[in-house]
Amino acid sequence: QPLEGQTFCSPCQIGYANPANSDKGCQICAEGFFSETEGSSVCQRCAEGFYSDRKGAPNCTECGETRTTDALGSVSVNQCVCREGYFFTGLYRNGFNGSIGTDDLVNATLPPGTCKLCDENLYDCPGRFEPPGALDGYYMESYGIRDANDFPTVYECNPRSTCKGGPPRNCKKHRVGLACGRCESGYTRGSGGECTRCRMSGGILGFMLMSLIVMMPVGAFFYAKTSYDDPRKTRGDGTPGVSARSVISRNEREAADDPNK
């Protein structure tokens, strides 16, 4: 629609648009949008894997073959993150741990690094700036890397069923050590590789039983000797006990008093 004083209509330039042919005229496209043709009625959002960091852009800039974006309409190259299956080599440099939101990426100072293709036979790489994980059946000791061209070291577990993959030192239950190669204290390895709680062995049990059999007569002897020598001991019915010496003395007196003997 012509504005006041205009005698004809002219199409909006590239990078501009006039939504619904409003009387406000052509509006410049904001960051994250573009208009690639004259006379556009709408500014389009940048697609995933593209960004536009300036107003009035005729097109969006591609992040690159190894990178993409989290959403449409990205406004900064910082929002170009690694694609799934790639690992960011700048991870853990300058304290960067990869945990950062999409909006926070815009003004973030990212360490230098590239997105490197992961070995799909060893690693599970979710992309973005996330650290790689080990595949199921493999073990990772730590995320430490020697240089930007290196990956965290992984070990194949034996048997593979002992390792869960994923983050460092991620072992199956009751498994510990490098490549989950040992059972934790109090557990022993079974035939299938699983760790089961230790039980008392027959040898130890037999030794303890034999010791008990040997000690029982000794204990009984000391108990009997103590009861025999102590005249103060009571009988089972609660009456005072009588020592052997007392019984003999009484019998001697009775014999002396009997005239028939």
Protein backbone atom coordinates (compact mmCIF):
# COMPACT_ATOMS: atom_id res chain seq x y z
CA GLN A 1 0.00 0.00 0.00
CA PRO A 2 1.49 3.40 -0.95
CA LEU A 3 2.45 5.82 1.79
CA GLU A 4 1.43 9.46 1.82
CA GLY A 5 3.02 11.29 -1.06
CA GLN A 6 3.91 8.15 -2.98
CA THR A 7 2.65 7.74 -6.50
CA PHE A 8 3.56 4.07 -6.88
CA CYS A 9 4.51 0.97 -4.81
CA SER A 10 8.03 -0.46 -4.81
CA PRO A 11 8.99 -3.95 -3.59
CA CYS A 12 10.97 -4.38 -0.39
CA GLN A 13 14.68 -4.84 -0.87
CA ILE A 14 16.52 -8.08 -0.12
CA GLY A 15 16.93 -8.38 3.65
CA TYR A 16 13.60 -6.58 4.24
CA ALA A 17 9.99 -7.65 4.33
CA ASN A 18 6.56 -6.08 4.65
CA PRO A 19 4.38 -8.46 6.67
CA ALA A 20 0.80 -8.50 5.36
CA ASN A 21 1.55 -5.40 3.24
CA SER A 22 1.08 -3.20 6.29
CA ASP A 23 1.19 0.57 6.14
CA LYS A 24 4.43 0.47 8.14
CA GLY A 25 6.28 -0.36 4.99
CA CYS A 26 9.34 -2.57 4.68
CA GLN A 27 10.91 -3.85 7.91
CA ILE A 28 14.51 -4.98 8.16
CA CYS A 29 14.99 -8.64 9.05
CA ALA A 30 16.38 -9.23 12.56
CA GLU A 31 19.33 -11.40 13.51
CA GLY A 32 18.51 -15.05 13.01
CA PHE A 33 16.27 -14.20 10.02
CA PHE A 34 16.84 -13.52 6.32
CA SER A 35 15.09 -12.42 3.16
CA GLU A 36 16.67 -13.49 -0.11
CA THR A 37 14.22 -12.00 -2.61
CA GLU A 38 12.79 -8.56 -3.29
CA GLY A 39 9.21 -7.93 -2.30
CA SER A 40 9.20 -10.43 0.54
CA SER A 41 6.26 -10.29 2.86
CA VAL A 42 8.01 -12.22 5.65
CA CYS A 43 11.51 -12.71 7.03
CA GLN A 44 12.39 -16.37 7.33
CA ARG A 45 14.17 -17.97 10.27
CA CYS A 46 17.56 -19.52 9.67
CA ALA A 47 17.32 -23.30 9.37
CA GLU A 48 19.06 -25.71 11.71
CA GLY A 49 22.76 -25.76 10.95
CA PHE A 50 22.70 -22.07 9.93
CA TYR A 51 22.89 -18.72 11.72
CA SER A 52 22.66 -15.00 10.98
CA ASP A 53 24.47 -12.57 13.26
CA ARG A 54 23.40 -9.35 11.54
CA LYS A 55 20.24 -7.52 10.57
CA GLY A 56 19.06 -7.36 6.97
CA ALA A 57 20.78 -10.59 5.97
CA PRO A 58 20.01 -11.89 2.48
CA ASN A 59 20.85 -15.41 3.68
CA CYS A 60 22.17 -17.34 6.65
CA THR A 61 25.67 -18.66 7.20
CA GLU A 62 26.18 -22.42 7.38
CA CYS A 63 27.81 -23.78 10.52
CA GLY A 64 29.83 -26.36 8.63
CA GLU A 65 29.75 -30.04 7.82
CA THR A 66 30.52 -31.21 11.35
CA ARG A 67 28.29 -28.74 13.19
CA THR A 68 24.63 -27.88 13.58
CA THR A 69 22.41 -25.75 15.82
CA ASP A 70 19.99 -26.66 18.58
CA ALA A 71 17.09 -24.75 17.04
CA LEU A 72 15.92 -22.49 14.23
CA GLY A 73 16.88 -18.82 14.12
CA SER A 74 20.38 -19.00 15.60
CA VAL A 75 22.11 -15.62 15.87
CA SER A 76 25.75 -16.51 16.59
CA VAL A 77 28.47 -18.83 15.36
CA ASN A 78 28.81 -19.88 19.00
CA GLN A 79 25.47 -21.63 18.64
CA CYS A 80 27.01 -23.98 16.11
CA VAL A 81 27.57 -27.14 18.12
CA CYS A 82 28.99 -30.52 17.16
CA ARG A 83 26.70 -32.88 15.33
CA GLU A 84 25.75 -36.21 16.87
CA GLY A 85 28.62 -38.65 16.42
CA TYR A 86 31.26 -35.93 16.90
CA PHE A 87 33.38 -34.88 19.87
CA PHE A 88 34.48 -31.30 20.65
CA THR A 89 38.26 -31.29 21.09
CA GLY A 90 38.22 -28.09 23.14
CA LEU A 91 36.35 -29.78 25.96
CA TYR A 92 37.87 -29.19 29.41
CA ARG A 93 40.14 -26.44 28.17
CA ASN A 94 40.07 -23.25 30.21
CA GLY A 95 37.59 -24.85 32.58
CA PHE A 96 34.97 -25.49 29.87
CA ASN A 97 33.01 -28.66 30.68
CA GLY A 98 30.46 -28.52 27.87
CA SER A 99 27.45 -27.87 30.10
CA ILE A 100 25.95 -24.74 28.59
CA GLY A 101 22.50 -23.78 27.33
CA THR A 102 21.69 -22.66 23.80
CA ASP A 103 20.93 -19.05 24.77
CA ASP A 104 24.06 -18.81 26.93
CA LEU A 105 26.21 -19.80 23.97
CA VAL A 106 25.63 -16.44 22.27
CA ASN A 107 27.92 -14.47 24.58
CA ALA A 108 30.08 -17.34 25.79
CA THR A 109 33.84 -17.44 25.31
CA LEU A 110 34.47 -20.90 23.96
CA PRO A 111 37.90 -22.52 23.89
CA PRO A 112 39.38 -23.27 20.47
CA GLY A 113 38.56 -26.70 19.17
CA THR A 114 37.06 -28.69 16.36
CA CYS A 115 34.37 -31.33 16.06
CA LYS A 116 36.09 -34.64 15.49
CA LEU A 117 34.36 -37.77 14.23
CA CYS A 118 34.06 -40.47 16.90
CA ASP A 119 34.88 -44.12 16.32
CA GLU A 120 31.41 -45.64 16.34
CA ASN A 121 32.87 -48.99 17.44
CA LEU A 122 34.22 -47.54 20.70
CA TYR A 123 32.43 -44.33 21.60
CA ASP A 124 28.94 -42.98 22.06
CA CYS A 125 29.14 -39.29 21.13
CA PRO A 126 25.89 -37.36 21.69
CA GLY A 127 27.21 -34.23 20.00
CA ARG A 128 26.97 -30.57 21.09
CA PHE A 129 29.80 -30.05 23.58
CA GLU A 130 28.98 -33.17 25.56
CA PRO A 131 31.82 -35.54 26.50
CA PRO A 132 31.97 -38.90 24.74
CA GLY A 133 30.92 -42.07 26.51
CA ALA A 134 32.17 -45.62 26.10
CA LEU A 135 29.97 -48.11 24.29
CA ASP A 136 28.37 -50.97 26.19
CA GLY A 137 31.06 -53.53 26.98
CA TYR A 138 33.86 -50.94 27.15
CA TYR A 139 35.41 -49.02 30.04
CA MET A 140 36.71 -45.45 30.26
CA GLU A 141 38.99 -44.48 33.14
CA SER A 142 38.64 -40.70 32.79
CA TYR A 143 37.90 -37.89 30.33
CA GLY A 144 41.54 -36.80 30.34
CA ILE A 145 43.08 -36.32 26.90
CA ARG A 146 46.67 -35.63 25.92
CA ASP A 147 46.01 -33.18 23.08
CA ALA A 148 43.31 -31.82 20.79
CA ASN A 149 43.67 -34.75 18.38
CA ASP A 150 43.21 -37.39 21.05
CA PHE A 151 40.23 -39.20 22.55
CA PRO A 152 39.80 -40.54 26.08
CA THR A 153 41.28 -44.03 26.33
CA VAL A 154 38.81 -46.92 26.46
CA TYR A 155 39.36 -50.56 27.36
CA GLU A 156 37.48 -53.61 26.16
CA CYS A 157 36.09 -55.51 29.14
CA ASN A 158 36.38 -59.27 29.58
CA PRO A 159 33.69 -60.36 29.65
CA ARG A 160 31.97 -57.39 28.08
CA SER A 161 28.93 -57.91 30.28
CA THR A 162 30.89 -56.49 33.24
CA CYS A 163 30.99 -52.95 31.78
CA LYS A 164 27.99 -50.72 31.24
CA GLY A 165 29.69 -48.19 28.97
CA GLY A 166 28.82 -44.53 29.35
CA PRO A 167 30.80 -42.18 31.64
CA PRO A 168 34.14 -43.02 33.29
CA ARG A 169 34.39 -45.91 35.78
CA ASN A 170 30.88 -47.13 35.06
CA CYS A 171 30.91 -50.79 36.11
CA LYS A 172 28.20 -53.33 36.71
CA LYS A 173 27.10 -53.89 40.30
CA HIS A 174 29.89 -54.95 42.70
CA ARG A 175 32.56 -54.56 39.97
CA VAL A 176 35.55 -52.23 40.49
CA GLY A 177 39.00 -51.49 39.09
CA LEU A 178 40.43 -50.91 35.64
CA ALA A 179 38.09 -52.35 32.99
CA CYS A 180 35.87 -53.49 35.89
CA GLY A 181 38.27 -56.40 36.27
CA ARG A 182 37.79 -57.08 40.00
CA CYS A 183 34.96 -57.78 42.39
CA GLU A 184 34.65 -55.42 45.32
CA SER A 185 35.63 -56.57 48.79
CA GLY A 186 33.37 -59.30 50.12
CA TYR A 187 32.42 -60.60 46.67
CA THR A 188 33.83 -63.27 44.39
CA ARG A 189 33.65 -63.82 40.64
CA GLY A 190 31.18 -66.40 39.39
CA SER A 191 31.37 -68.52 36.25
CA GLY A 192 29.36 -65.97 34.26
CA GLY A 193 31.52 -63.04 35.32
CA GLU A 194 29.04 -61.71 37.86
CA CYS A 195 30.16 -60.88 41.39
CA THR A 196 28.38 -62.73 44.17
CA ARG A 197 28.68 -62.32 47.91
CA CYS A 198 31.31 -64.56 49.50
CA ARG A 199 30.09 -67.50 51.60
CA MET A 200 31.97 -69.42 54.30
CA SER A 201 33.85 -72.25 52.61
CA GLY A 202 33.61 -75.90 53.68
CA GLY A 203 37.24 -75.92 54.81
CA ILE A 204 36.78 -73.03 57.21
CA LEU A 205 33.48 -74.43 58.46
CA GLY A 206 35.06 -77.85 59.06
CA PHE A 207 37.97 -76.31 60.96
CA MET A 208 35.63 -74.37 63.23
CA LEU A 209 33.49 -77.47 63.85
CA MET A 210 36.52 -79.60 64.70
CA SER A 211 37.80 -76.91 67.06
CA LEU A 212 34.44 -76.89 68.81
CA ILE A 213 34.47 -80.71 69.21
CA VAL A 214 37.96 -80.61 70.72
CA MET A 215 37.16 -77.77 73.11
CA MET A 216 33.89 -79.21 74.46
CA PRO A 217 35.50 -82.04 76.58
CA VAL A 218 38.10 -79.62 77.89
CA GLY A 219 35.39 -77.21 78.96
CA ALA A 220 33.36 -80.01 80.54
CA PHE A 221 36.42 -81.23 82.48
CA PHE A 222 37.10 -77.83 83.99
CA TYR A 223 33.43 -77.42 84.87
CA ALA A 224 33.28 -80.87 86.56
CA LYS A 225 36.51 -80.28 88.44
CA THR A 226 35.28 -76.98 89.77
CA SER A 227 31.97 -78.49 90.90
CA TYR A 228 33.72 -81.48 92.58
CA ASP A 229 36.19 -79.41 94.59
CA ASP A 230 33.87 -76.68 95.73
CA PRO A 231 31.57 -77.78 98.60
CA ARG A 232 29.62 -74.57 98.24
CA LYS A 233 28.21 -75.64 94.88
CA THR A 234 24.50 -76.44 94.88
CA ARG A 235 22.71 -79.36 93.28
CA GLY A 236 20.21 -79.07 90.52
CA ASP A 237 17.33 -78.98 93.03
CA GLY A 238 18.78 -75.93 94.73
CA THR A 239 19.95 -77.72 97.94
CA PRO A 240 23.53 -77.29 99.03
CA GLY A 241 25.93 -79.74 97.50
CA VAL A 242 28.14 -82.07 99.56
CA SER A 243 31.74 -82.69 98.74
CA ALA A 244 33.16 -86.20 98.40
CA ARG A 245 35.33 -85.64 101.48
CA SER A 246 32.26 -84.78 103.61
CA VAL A 247 30.45 -87.96 102.52
CA ILE A 248 33.41 -90.20 103.47
CA SER A 249 33.77 -88.60 106.91
CA ARG A 250 30.09 -89.15 107.69
CA ASN A 251 30.27 -92.81 106.64
CA GLU A 252 33.27 -93.38 108.93
CA ARG A 253 31.39 -91.93 111.92
CA GLU A 254 28.34 -94.09 111.26
CA ALA A 255 30.52 -97.21 111.08
CA ALA A 256 32.17 -96.38 114.39
CA ASP A 257 28.81 -96.02 116.13
CA ASP A 258 27.35 -99.31 114.79
CA PRO A 259 27.92 -102.13 117.36
CA ASN A 260 27.40 -104.85 114.75
CA LYS A 261 30.40 -103.76 112.78
